[in-house]
N, C-alpha and C. Protein backbone atom coordinates (compact mmCIF):
# COMPACT_ATOMS: atom_id res chain seq x y z
N MET A 1 0.83 -1.20 0.00
CA MET A 1 0.00 0.00 0.00
C MET A 1 0.87 1.26 0.00
N LYS A 2 1.88 1.24 0.89
CA LYS A 2 2.76 2.39 0.98
C LYS A 2 3.51 2.59 -0.34
N TYR A 3 3.95 1.51 -0.96
CA TYR A 3 4.66 1.56 -2.23
C TYR A 3 3.79 2.18 -3.32
N ASN A 4 2.53 1.79 -3.41
CA ASN A 4 1.62 2.33 -4.41
C ASN A 4 1.36 3.82 -4.19
N LEU A 5 1.25 4.23 -2.93
CA LEU A 5 1.03 5.64 -2.62
C LEU A 5 2.25 6.47 -3.04
N GLU A 6 3.44 5.96 -2.72
CA GLU A 6 4.66 6.66 -3.11
C GLU A 6 4.79 6.72 -4.63
N LYS A 7 4.45 5.63 -5.28
CA LYS A 7 4.52 5.58 -6.75
C LYS A 7 3.53 6.58 -7.37
N THR A 8 2.33 6.65 -6.79
CA THR A 8 1.32 7.58 -7.28
C THR A 8 1.76 9.03 -7.08
N LEU A 9 2.29 9.34 -5.90
CA LEU A 9 2.75 10.69 -5.62
C LEU A 9 3.92 11.07 -6.54
N LEU A 10 4.83 10.15 -6.74
CA LEU A 10 5.96 10.41 -7.62
C LEU A 10 5.50 10.65 -9.05
N THR A 11 4.55 9.85 -9.51
CA THR A 11 4.00 10.03 -10.86
C THR A 11 3.33 11.39 -10.99
N MET A 12 2.57 11.78 -9.98
CA MET A 12 1.90 13.08 -10.02
C MET A 12 2.92 14.22 -10.04
N LEU A 13 3.98 14.09 -9.25
CA LEU A 13 5.01 15.12 -9.23
C LEU A 13 5.70 15.25 -10.58
N VAL A 14 5.97 14.11 -11.20
CA VAL A 14 6.63 14.13 -12.50
C VAL A 14 5.74 14.80 -13.55
N ILE A 15 4.44 14.60 -13.44
CA ILE A 15 3.52 15.19 -14.41
C ILE A 15 3.20 16.64 -14.09
N VAL A 16 2.94 16.96 -12.84
CA VAL A 16 2.47 18.28 -12.45
C VAL A 16 3.61 19.28 -12.28
N LEU A 17 4.75 18.86 -11.76
CA LEU A 17 5.84 19.78 -11.47
C LEU A 17 6.33 20.53 -12.70
N PRO A 18 6.56 19.87 -13.83
CA PRO A 18 6.99 20.65 -15.00
C PRO A 18 5.97 21.71 -15.42
N LEU A 19 4.70 21.41 -15.25
CA LEU A 19 3.66 22.40 -15.60
C LEU A 19 3.67 23.56 -14.63
N ALA A 20 3.96 23.28 -13.37
CA ALA A 20 3.96 24.32 -12.35
C ALA A 20 5.17 25.24 -12.48
N TRP A 21 6.28 24.72 -13.00
CA TRP A 21 7.51 25.50 -13.05
C TRP A 21 7.80 26.09 -14.43
N THR A 22 6.91 25.94 -15.36
CA THR A 22 7.16 26.51 -16.68
C THR A 22 7.02 28.03 -16.62
N ALA A 23 7.83 28.69 -17.40
CA ALA A 23 7.79 30.15 -17.44
C ALA A 23 6.52 30.60 -18.16
N PRO A 24 6.05 31.79 -17.84
CA PRO A 24 4.86 32.28 -18.56
C PRO A 24 5.17 32.42 -20.04
N SER A 25 4.18 32.18 -20.86
CA SER A 25 4.39 32.27 -22.30
C SER A 25 4.59 33.73 -22.69
N LYS A 26 5.17 33.92 -23.87
CA LYS A 26 5.39 35.27 -24.37
C LYS A 26 4.07 36.00 -24.56
N ALA A 27 3.00 35.24 -24.82
CA ALA A 27 1.69 35.84 -25.05
C ALA A 27 1.19 36.56 -23.81
N VAL A 28 1.61 36.09 -22.62
CA VAL A 28 1.19 36.75 -21.39
C VAL A 28 1.90 38.09 -21.27
N ILE A 29 3.18 38.13 -21.66
CA ILE A 29 3.97 39.35 -21.54
C ILE A 29 3.62 40.31 -22.67
N PHE A 30 3.63 39.81 -23.90
CA PHE A 30 3.29 40.59 -25.08
C PHE A 30 2.14 39.89 -25.78
N PRO A 31 0.89 40.32 -25.57
CA PRO A 31 -0.25 39.62 -26.18
C PRO A 31 -0.15 39.50 -27.70
N LYS A 32 0.32 40.55 -28.36
CA LYS A 32 0.53 40.52 -29.81
C LYS A 32 1.91 41.12 -30.06
N PRO A 33 2.96 40.29 -29.93
CA PRO A 33 4.32 40.83 -29.95
C PRO A 33 4.73 41.47 -31.27
N LEU A 34 4.11 41.10 -32.38
CA LEU A 34 4.52 41.64 -33.68
C LEU A 34 3.64 42.80 -34.14
N GLU A 35 2.67 43.17 -33.31
CA GLU A 35 1.73 44.22 -33.68
C GLU A 35 2.44 45.57 -33.82
N GLY A 36 2.18 46.23 -34.95
CA GLY A 36 2.68 47.58 -35.16
C GLY A 36 4.11 47.67 -35.66
N ILE A 37 4.79 46.57 -35.82
CA ILE A 37 6.16 46.62 -36.33
C ILE A 37 6.09 46.88 -37.84
N SER A 38 6.72 47.96 -38.27
CA SER A 38 6.64 48.32 -39.69
C SER A 38 7.97 48.19 -40.41
N GLU A 39 9.07 48.11 -39.65
CA GLU A 39 10.37 47.96 -40.28
C GLU A 39 11.30 47.13 -39.39
N VAL A 40 12.18 46.39 -40.03
CA VAL A 40 13.16 45.57 -39.32
C VAL A 40 14.53 45.71 -39.98
N ARG A 41 15.52 45.36 -39.22
CA ARG A 41 16.90 45.34 -39.71
C ARG A 41 17.37 43.90 -39.66
N ILE A 42 17.94 43.41 -40.75
CA ILE A 42 18.44 42.04 -40.79
C ILE A 42 19.87 42.03 -40.23
N VAL A 43 20.09 41.20 -39.22
CA VAL A 43 21.41 41.07 -38.61
C VAL A 43 21.82 39.60 -38.69
N ILE A 44 22.94 39.34 -39.34
CA ILE A 44 23.48 37.99 -39.44
C ILE A 44 24.66 37.90 -38.49
N ASP A 45 24.58 36.99 -37.51
CA ASP A 45 25.69 36.81 -36.58
C ASP A 45 26.89 36.22 -37.32
N LYS A 46 28.07 36.41 -36.74
CA LYS A 46 29.29 35.87 -37.33
C LYS A 46 29.15 34.36 -37.52
N LEU A 47 29.46 33.91 -38.71
CA LEU A 47 29.31 32.49 -39.04
C LEU A 47 30.53 31.70 -38.56
N PRO A 48 30.31 30.43 -38.22
CA PRO A 48 31.45 29.59 -37.82
C PRO A 48 32.35 29.33 -39.03
N PRO A 49 33.63 29.04 -38.79
CA PRO A 49 34.57 28.82 -39.91
C PRO A 49 34.14 27.70 -40.87
N ASP A 50 33.49 26.67 -40.38
CA ASP A 50 33.08 25.56 -41.23
C ASP A 50 31.97 25.93 -42.21
N ALA A 51 31.30 27.04 -41.99
CA ALA A 51 30.20 27.44 -42.87
C ALA A 51 30.71 27.70 -44.29
N PHE A 52 31.88 28.31 -44.40
CA PHE A 52 32.41 28.63 -45.72
C PHE A 52 32.69 27.36 -46.53
N THR A 53 33.14 26.30 -45.85
CA THR A 53 33.42 25.04 -46.55
C THR A 53 32.15 24.42 -47.11
N LEU A 54 31.00 24.82 -46.58
CA LEU A 54 29.70 24.32 -47.05
C LEU A 54 29.01 25.34 -47.97
N ASN A 55 29.77 26.33 -48.42
CA ASN A 55 29.25 27.38 -49.31
C ASN A 55 28.16 28.23 -48.65
N ILE A 56 28.25 28.38 -47.35
CA ILE A 56 27.30 29.24 -46.62
C ILE A 56 28.05 30.50 -46.24
N THR A 57 27.61 31.63 -46.78
CA THR A 57 28.25 32.91 -46.48
C THR A 57 27.23 33.86 -45.86
N GLU A 58 27.76 34.90 -45.22
CA GLU A 58 26.88 35.91 -44.61
C GLU A 58 26.04 36.60 -45.68
N LYS A 59 26.66 36.90 -46.82
CA LYS A 59 25.93 37.57 -47.90
C LYS A 59 24.81 36.68 -48.44
N ALA A 60 25.09 35.39 -48.63
CA ALA A 60 24.06 34.47 -49.13
C ALA A 60 22.91 34.37 -48.15
N LEU A 61 23.21 34.29 -46.86
CA LEU A 61 22.15 34.22 -45.84
C LEU A 61 21.32 35.50 -45.85
N LYS A 62 21.99 36.65 -45.85
CA LYS A 62 21.27 37.93 -45.81
C LYS A 62 20.41 38.11 -47.06
N ASP A 63 20.97 37.79 -48.23
CA ASP A 63 20.22 37.92 -49.48
C ASP A 63 19.00 37.00 -49.49
N THR A 64 19.15 35.79 -48.97
CA THR A 64 18.03 34.84 -48.94
C THR A 64 16.93 35.34 -48.01
N VAL A 65 17.30 35.80 -46.80
CA VAL A 65 16.31 36.31 -45.85
C VAL A 65 15.63 37.55 -46.44
N LEU A 66 16.39 38.43 -47.06
CA LEU A 66 15.83 39.63 -47.69
C LEU A 66 14.82 39.27 -48.77
N THR A 67 15.17 38.34 -49.64
CA THR A 67 14.27 37.90 -50.71
C THR A 67 13.00 37.28 -50.13
N LEU A 68 13.16 36.43 -49.12
CA LEU A 68 12.00 35.76 -48.52
C LEU A 68 11.07 36.75 -47.82
N LEU A 69 11.65 37.72 -47.11
CA LEU A 69 10.81 38.72 -46.44
C LEU A 69 10.09 39.60 -47.46
N ASN A 70 10.79 40.00 -48.52
CA ASN A 70 10.14 40.81 -49.56
C ASN A 70 9.02 40.04 -50.23
N ARG A 71 9.20 38.74 -50.40
CA ARG A 71 8.17 37.92 -51.04
C ARG A 71 6.99 37.66 -50.09
N ASN A 72 7.28 37.34 -48.84
CA ASN A 72 6.23 36.96 -47.89
C ASN A 72 5.56 38.15 -47.21
N LEU A 73 6.29 39.22 -46.97
CA LEU A 73 5.73 40.41 -46.30
C LEU A 73 6.18 41.67 -47.03
N PRO A 74 5.59 41.95 -48.18
CA PRO A 74 6.04 43.12 -48.96
C PRO A 74 5.86 44.45 -48.24
N GLU A 75 4.96 44.52 -47.26
CA GLU A 75 4.73 45.79 -46.57
C GLU A 75 5.73 46.05 -45.44
N LEU A 76 6.49 45.04 -45.03
CA LEU A 76 7.47 45.21 -43.97
C LEU A 76 8.74 45.80 -44.57
N LYS A 77 9.11 46.99 -44.10
CA LYS A 77 10.29 47.67 -44.63
C LYS A 77 11.55 47.09 -44.00
N LEU A 78 12.58 46.96 -44.81
CA LEU A 78 13.87 46.47 -44.35
C LEU A 78 14.88 47.60 -44.46
N THR A 79 15.31 48.12 -43.29
CA THR A 79 16.25 49.24 -43.27
C THR A 79 17.35 48.96 -42.27
N ASP A 80 18.48 49.63 -42.46
CA ASP A 80 19.60 49.46 -41.52
C ASP A 80 19.41 50.27 -40.24
N SER A 81 18.42 51.16 -40.23
CA SER A 81 18.19 52.00 -39.05
C SER A 81 16.94 51.59 -38.27
N ALA A 82 16.38 50.44 -38.58
CA ALA A 82 15.15 50.00 -37.91
C ALA A 82 15.41 49.72 -36.43
N PRO A 83 14.42 49.98 -35.58
CA PRO A 83 14.60 49.74 -34.15
C PRO A 83 14.48 48.26 -33.75
N VAL A 84 14.01 47.43 -34.68
CA VAL A 84 13.80 46.01 -34.39
C VAL A 84 14.74 45.18 -35.27
N ASP A 85 15.43 44.23 -34.64
CA ASP A 85 16.37 43.37 -35.37
C ASP A 85 15.76 42.02 -35.68
N LEU A 86 15.93 41.56 -36.92
CA LEU A 86 15.65 40.17 -37.28
C LEU A 86 17.01 39.50 -37.30
N ASN A 87 17.29 38.76 -36.25
CA ASN A 87 18.62 38.21 -36.02
C ASN A 87 18.68 36.76 -36.48
N VAL A 88 19.71 36.43 -37.29
CA VAL A 88 19.90 35.07 -37.78
C VAL A 88 21.25 34.58 -37.28
N SER A 89 21.26 33.49 -36.54
CA SER A 89 22.53 32.92 -36.10
C SER A 89 22.56 31.44 -36.47
N LEU A 90 23.75 30.98 -36.80
CA LEU A 90 23.94 29.61 -37.26
C LEU A 90 25.11 29.01 -36.51
N ALA A 91 24.87 27.90 -35.85
CA ALA A 91 25.94 27.12 -35.23
C ALA A 91 26.15 25.90 -36.10
N LEU A 92 27.39 25.50 -36.26
CA LEU A 92 27.69 24.43 -37.20
C LEU A 92 28.84 23.59 -36.68
N ILE A 93 28.69 22.28 -36.75
CA ILE A 93 29.75 21.35 -36.36
C ILE A 93 29.97 20.38 -37.51
N ARG A 94 31.22 20.27 -37.96
CA ARG A 94 31.54 19.32 -39.02
C ARG A 94 31.70 17.93 -38.42
N ALA A 95 31.21 16.95 -39.14
CA ALA A 95 31.36 15.56 -38.71
C ALA A 95 32.35 14.89 -39.66
N THR A 96 33.40 14.32 -39.11
CA THR A 96 34.41 13.66 -39.93
C THR A 96 34.61 12.23 -39.45
N SER A 97 35.16 11.40 -40.32
CA SER A 97 35.45 10.02 -39.96
C SER A 97 36.84 9.96 -39.31
N ARG A 98 37.24 8.78 -38.87
CA ARG A 98 38.56 8.62 -38.25
C ARG A 98 39.69 8.95 -39.22
N THR A 99 39.45 8.73 -40.48
CA THR A 99 40.49 9.00 -41.48
C THR A 99 40.53 10.48 -41.84
N GLY A 100 39.59 11.26 -41.33
CA GLY A 100 39.57 12.69 -41.60
C GLY A 100 38.69 13.08 -42.76
N SER A 101 38.06 12.11 -43.40
CA SER A 101 37.18 12.47 -44.52
C SER A 101 35.91 13.12 -43.98
N TYR A 102 35.38 14.02 -44.75
CA TYR A 102 34.22 14.81 -44.32
C TYR A 102 32.94 14.02 -44.54
N LEU A 103 32.19 13.81 -43.47
CA LEU A 103 30.95 13.03 -43.56
C LEU A 103 29.71 13.90 -43.69
N GLY A 104 29.69 15.02 -43.03
CA GLY A 104 28.49 15.85 -43.04
C GLY A 104 28.59 16.93 -41.99
N TYR A 105 27.44 17.37 -41.49
CA TYR A 105 27.42 18.46 -40.52
C TYR A 105 26.20 18.33 -39.62
N TYR A 106 26.28 18.97 -38.48
CA TYR A 106 25.14 19.14 -37.57
C TYR A 106 25.01 20.63 -37.34
N SER A 107 23.82 21.15 -37.37
CA SER A 107 23.68 22.59 -37.31
C SER A 107 22.44 22.99 -36.51
N HIS A 108 22.47 24.22 -36.03
CA HIS A 108 21.33 24.83 -35.35
C HIS A 108 21.14 26.23 -35.92
N LEU A 109 19.96 26.48 -36.46
CA LEU A 109 19.61 27.79 -36.98
C LEU A 109 18.65 28.44 -36.00
N LEU A 110 18.93 29.67 -35.62
CA LEU A 110 18.06 30.41 -34.72
C LEU A 110 17.71 31.74 -35.39
N VAL A 111 16.43 31.97 -35.58
CA VAL A 111 15.95 33.24 -36.13
C VAL A 111 15.08 33.87 -35.06
N LYS A 112 15.40 35.11 -34.69
CA LYS A 112 14.61 35.77 -33.64
C LYS A 112 14.42 37.23 -33.97
N LEU A 113 13.34 37.77 -33.48
CA LEU A 113 13.03 39.18 -33.64
C LEU A 113 13.23 39.85 -32.29
N VAL A 114 14.09 40.85 -32.25
CA VAL A 114 14.46 41.48 -30.99
C VAL A 114 14.15 42.97 -31.07
N ASP A 115 13.49 43.48 -30.05
CA ASP A 115 13.22 44.90 -29.94
C ASP A 115 14.00 45.43 -28.74
N TYR A 116 14.25 46.71 -28.74
CA TYR A 116 14.94 47.33 -27.62
C TYR A 116 13.92 48.20 -26.89
N VAL A 117 13.62 47.84 -25.66
CA VAL A 117 12.60 48.56 -24.90
C VAL A 117 13.26 49.43 -23.84
N ARG A 118 12.60 50.52 -23.54
CA ARG A 118 13.10 51.45 -22.54
C ARG A 118 12.69 50.96 -21.16
N VAL A 119 13.67 50.76 -20.32
CA VAL A 119 13.43 50.24 -18.98
C VAL A 119 13.86 51.29 -17.96
N PRO A 120 12.98 51.62 -17.00
CA PRO A 120 13.38 52.59 -15.98
C PRO A 120 14.56 52.06 -15.18
N TYR A 121 15.51 52.90 -14.96
CA TYR A 121 16.69 52.54 -14.19
C TYR A 121 16.90 53.62 -13.15
N PRO A 122 16.05 53.61 -12.12
CA PRO A 122 16.09 54.71 -11.15
C PRO A 122 17.37 54.69 -10.31
N SER A 123 17.85 55.85 -10.04
CA SER A 123 18.96 56.00 -9.11
C SER A 123 18.73 57.28 -8.33
N VAL A 124 19.48 57.45 -7.29
CA VAL A 124 19.32 58.64 -6.45
C VAL A 124 19.72 59.88 -7.25
N GLU A 125 20.79 59.77 -8.04
CA GLU A 125 21.29 60.93 -8.78
C GLU A 125 20.37 61.31 -9.94
N ALA A 126 19.81 60.32 -10.64
CA ALA A 126 19.00 60.60 -11.83
C ALA A 126 17.80 59.66 -11.88
N PRO A 127 16.72 59.99 -11.17
CA PRO A 127 15.56 59.10 -11.15
C PRO A 127 14.86 58.97 -12.50
N GLU A 128 15.11 59.90 -13.42
CA GLU A 128 14.46 59.85 -14.73
C GLU A 128 15.29 59.06 -15.76
N PHE A 129 16.39 58.50 -15.35
CA PHE A 129 17.29 57.79 -16.26
C PHE A 129 16.67 56.47 -16.72
N TYR A 130 16.83 56.18 -18.01
CA TYR A 130 16.34 54.94 -18.60
C TYR A 130 17.50 54.23 -19.28
N ARG A 131 17.39 52.94 -19.38
CA ARG A 131 18.33 52.18 -20.19
C ARG A 131 17.52 51.31 -21.15
N PHE A 132 18.19 50.78 -22.14
CA PHE A 132 17.50 49.95 -23.13
C PHE A 132 17.88 48.49 -22.93
N ALA A 133 16.88 47.65 -23.00
CA ALA A 133 17.09 46.21 -22.84
C ALA A 133 16.48 45.49 -24.04
N LYS A 134 17.06 44.36 -24.37
CA LYS A 134 16.52 43.57 -25.48
C LYS A 134 15.26 42.84 -25.02
N ALA A 135 14.27 42.82 -25.88
CA ALA A 135 13.03 42.09 -25.61
C ALA A 135 12.82 41.13 -26.78
N LEU A 136 12.76 39.86 -26.48
CA LEU A 136 12.54 38.85 -27.51
C LEU A 136 11.07 38.84 -27.90
N LEU A 137 10.79 39.09 -29.18
CA LEU A 137 9.41 39.17 -29.64
C LEU A 137 8.97 37.91 -30.38
N TRP A 138 9.89 37.26 -31.06
CA TRP A 138 9.54 36.07 -31.86
C TRP A 138 10.81 35.26 -32.03
N GLU A 139 10.67 33.93 -32.03
CA GLU A 139 11.86 33.09 -32.13
C GLU A 139 11.52 31.74 -32.73
N ARG A 140 12.43 31.21 -33.53
CA ARG A 140 12.31 29.85 -34.03
C ARG A 140 13.70 29.27 -34.18
N GLY A 141 13.92 28.14 -33.56
CA GLY A 141 15.19 27.44 -33.67
C GLY A 141 14.97 26.09 -34.32
N VAL A 142 15.89 25.67 -35.18
CA VAL A 142 15.77 24.39 -35.89
C VAL A 142 17.10 23.67 -35.85
N LEU A 143 17.08 22.41 -35.45
CA LEU A 143 18.26 21.56 -35.53
C LEU A 143 18.19 20.76 -36.81
N PHE A 144 19.29 20.67 -37.53
CA PHE A 144 19.29 19.88 -38.76
C PHE A 144 20.71 19.43 -39.06
N GLY A 145 20.84 18.54 -39.98
CA GLY A 145 22.15 18.03 -40.38
C GLY A 145 22.02 17.26 -41.67
N GLY A 146 23.16 16.89 -42.22
CA GLY A 146 23.12 16.13 -43.46
C GLY A 146 24.47 16.09 -44.12
N SER A 147 24.49 15.75 -45.37
CA SER A 147 25.74 15.67 -46.12
C SER A 147 26.17 17.06 -46.57
N SER A 148 27.45 17.19 -46.88
CA SER A 148 27.97 18.50 -47.26
C SER A 148 27.34 19.01 -48.56
N GLU A 149 26.97 18.12 -49.46
CA GLU A 149 26.37 18.55 -50.72
C GLU A 149 25.00 19.17 -50.51
N ASP A 150 24.30 18.76 -49.47
CA ASP A 150 22.93 19.22 -49.23
C ASP A 150 22.84 20.40 -48.27
N ALA A 151 23.96 20.86 -47.73
CA ALA A 151 23.92 21.85 -46.64
C ALA A 151 23.18 23.13 -47.03
N TRP A 152 23.60 23.79 -48.12
CA TRP A 152 22.96 25.06 -48.47
C TRP A 152 21.50 24.86 -48.86
N GLY A 153 21.19 23.83 -49.62
CA GLY A 153 19.80 23.58 -50.02
C GLY A 153 18.90 23.34 -48.83
N GLN A 154 19.40 22.57 -47.86
CA GLN A 154 18.60 22.31 -46.67
C GLN A 154 18.42 23.58 -45.84
N LEU A 155 19.48 24.36 -45.71
CA LEU A 155 19.39 25.62 -44.97
C LEU A 155 18.41 26.57 -45.65
N GLU A 156 18.45 26.62 -46.97
CA GLU A 156 17.52 27.47 -47.73
C GLU A 156 16.07 27.05 -47.51
N ASN A 157 15.81 25.75 -47.51
CA ASN A 157 14.45 25.24 -47.25
C ASN A 157 13.98 25.61 -45.85
N ILE A 158 14.87 25.49 -44.87
CA ILE A 158 14.50 25.81 -43.49
C ILE A 158 14.25 27.31 -43.35
N LEU A 159 15.08 28.12 -44.00
CA LEU A 159 14.85 29.58 -43.96
C LEU A 159 13.52 29.93 -44.61
N THR A 160 13.19 29.27 -45.72
CA THR A 160 11.92 29.52 -46.40
C THR A 160 10.75 29.21 -45.48
N GLU A 161 10.79 28.06 -44.84
CA GLU A 161 9.72 27.66 -43.92
C GLU A 161 9.66 28.61 -42.72
N THR A 162 10.81 29.01 -42.21
CA THR A 162 10.85 29.92 -41.05
C THR A 162 10.26 31.28 -41.40
N MET A 163 10.62 31.82 -42.55
CA MET A 163 10.09 33.13 -42.95
C MET A 163 8.60 33.06 -43.27
N GLU A 164 8.13 31.94 -43.79
CA GLU A 164 6.68 31.76 -44.01
C GLU A 164 5.95 31.72 -42.68
N ARG A 165 6.52 31.05 -41.70
CA ARG A 165 5.91 31.00 -40.37
C ARG A 165 5.91 32.38 -39.72
N PHE A 166 7.02 33.11 -39.90
CA PHE A 166 7.09 34.47 -39.37
C PHE A 166 6.01 35.35 -40.01
N ALA A 167 5.85 35.23 -41.34
CA ALA A 167 4.84 36.02 -42.04
C ALA A 167 3.44 35.70 -41.54
N THR A 168 3.16 34.43 -41.29
CA THR A 168 1.85 34.03 -40.77
C THR A 168 1.61 34.64 -39.40
N ASP A 169 2.62 34.56 -38.51
CA ASP A 169 2.49 35.14 -37.17
C ASP A 169 2.37 36.67 -37.23
N TYR A 170 3.12 37.28 -38.14
CA TYR A 170 3.07 38.74 -38.30
C TYR A 170 1.67 39.18 -38.73
N CYS A 171 1.11 38.48 -39.70
CA CYS A 171 -0.23 38.84 -40.19
C CYS A 171 -1.31 38.55 -39.16
N TYR A 172 -1.10 37.57 -38.31
CA TYR A 172 -2.05 37.28 -37.24
C TYR A 172 -2.10 38.47 -36.26
N ASP A 173 -0.91 39.02 -35.94
CA ASP A 173 -0.84 40.14 -35.01
C ASP A 173 -1.19 41.48 -35.65
N ASN A 174 -1.17 41.55 -36.98
CA ASN A 174 -1.45 42.78 -37.71
C ASN A 174 -2.54 42.53 -38.72
N PRO A 175 -3.82 42.57 -38.29
CA PRO A 175 -4.92 42.33 -39.24
C PRO A 175 -4.85 43.31 -40.41
N GLY A 176 -5.17 42.82 -41.59
CA GLY A 176 -5.09 43.66 -42.77
C GLY A 176 -3.76 43.56 -43.46
N CYS A 177 -2.88 42.76 -42.93
CA CYS A 177 -1.55 42.56 -43.52
C CYS A 177 -1.69 41.87 -44.87
N ARG A 178 -0.87 42.27 -45.84
CA ARG A 178 -0.86 41.63 -47.15
C ARG A 178 0.25 40.59 -47.15
N LYS A 179 -0.10 39.35 -46.96
CA LYS A 179 0.90 38.29 -46.99
C LYS A 179 1.15 37.91 -48.44
N GLY A 180 2.43 37.88 -48.83
CA GLY A 180 2.81 37.56 -50.19
C GLY A 180 2.62 36.08 -50.49
N GLU A 181 2.92 35.72 -51.70
CA GLU A 181 2.75 34.31 -52.13
C GLU A 181 4.04 33.57 -51.95
């Protein structure tokens, strides 16, 4: 009897505890995080050295994201002075055999939309002082891997799907949005 009670309590803790300790969703903090955003700046993080061996360059990534955004969200302006960043980062690990031959890669693509919000930073000397903090508005991360011949094609497909998902979420938060084809 005691064993069954302990087993039941343990099972309940395993099921309920993760739900109790999860962080509030972004929807609670920002009900419509993409609402009212009219322009973004594309920022490509520094690529790992192995990216070049797979024909992945910063220019190719930026051009692809630019093309996809223009196609999917023609009304969203892309400027270098926009207050909101569309940040693209790529982590990449080459996989080699014992003989040193190249087998493929494992990668993580993270695309996120970051805004800079004004946060009160009160002090005795300057109670009206504010600082700016990054606020994550939208994010999608994808793990993928494959052979070296397929690297750019697979990354391009994932970027296409990610930008389509971003466009869908953007139009959901901005009724009347013209989503491209």
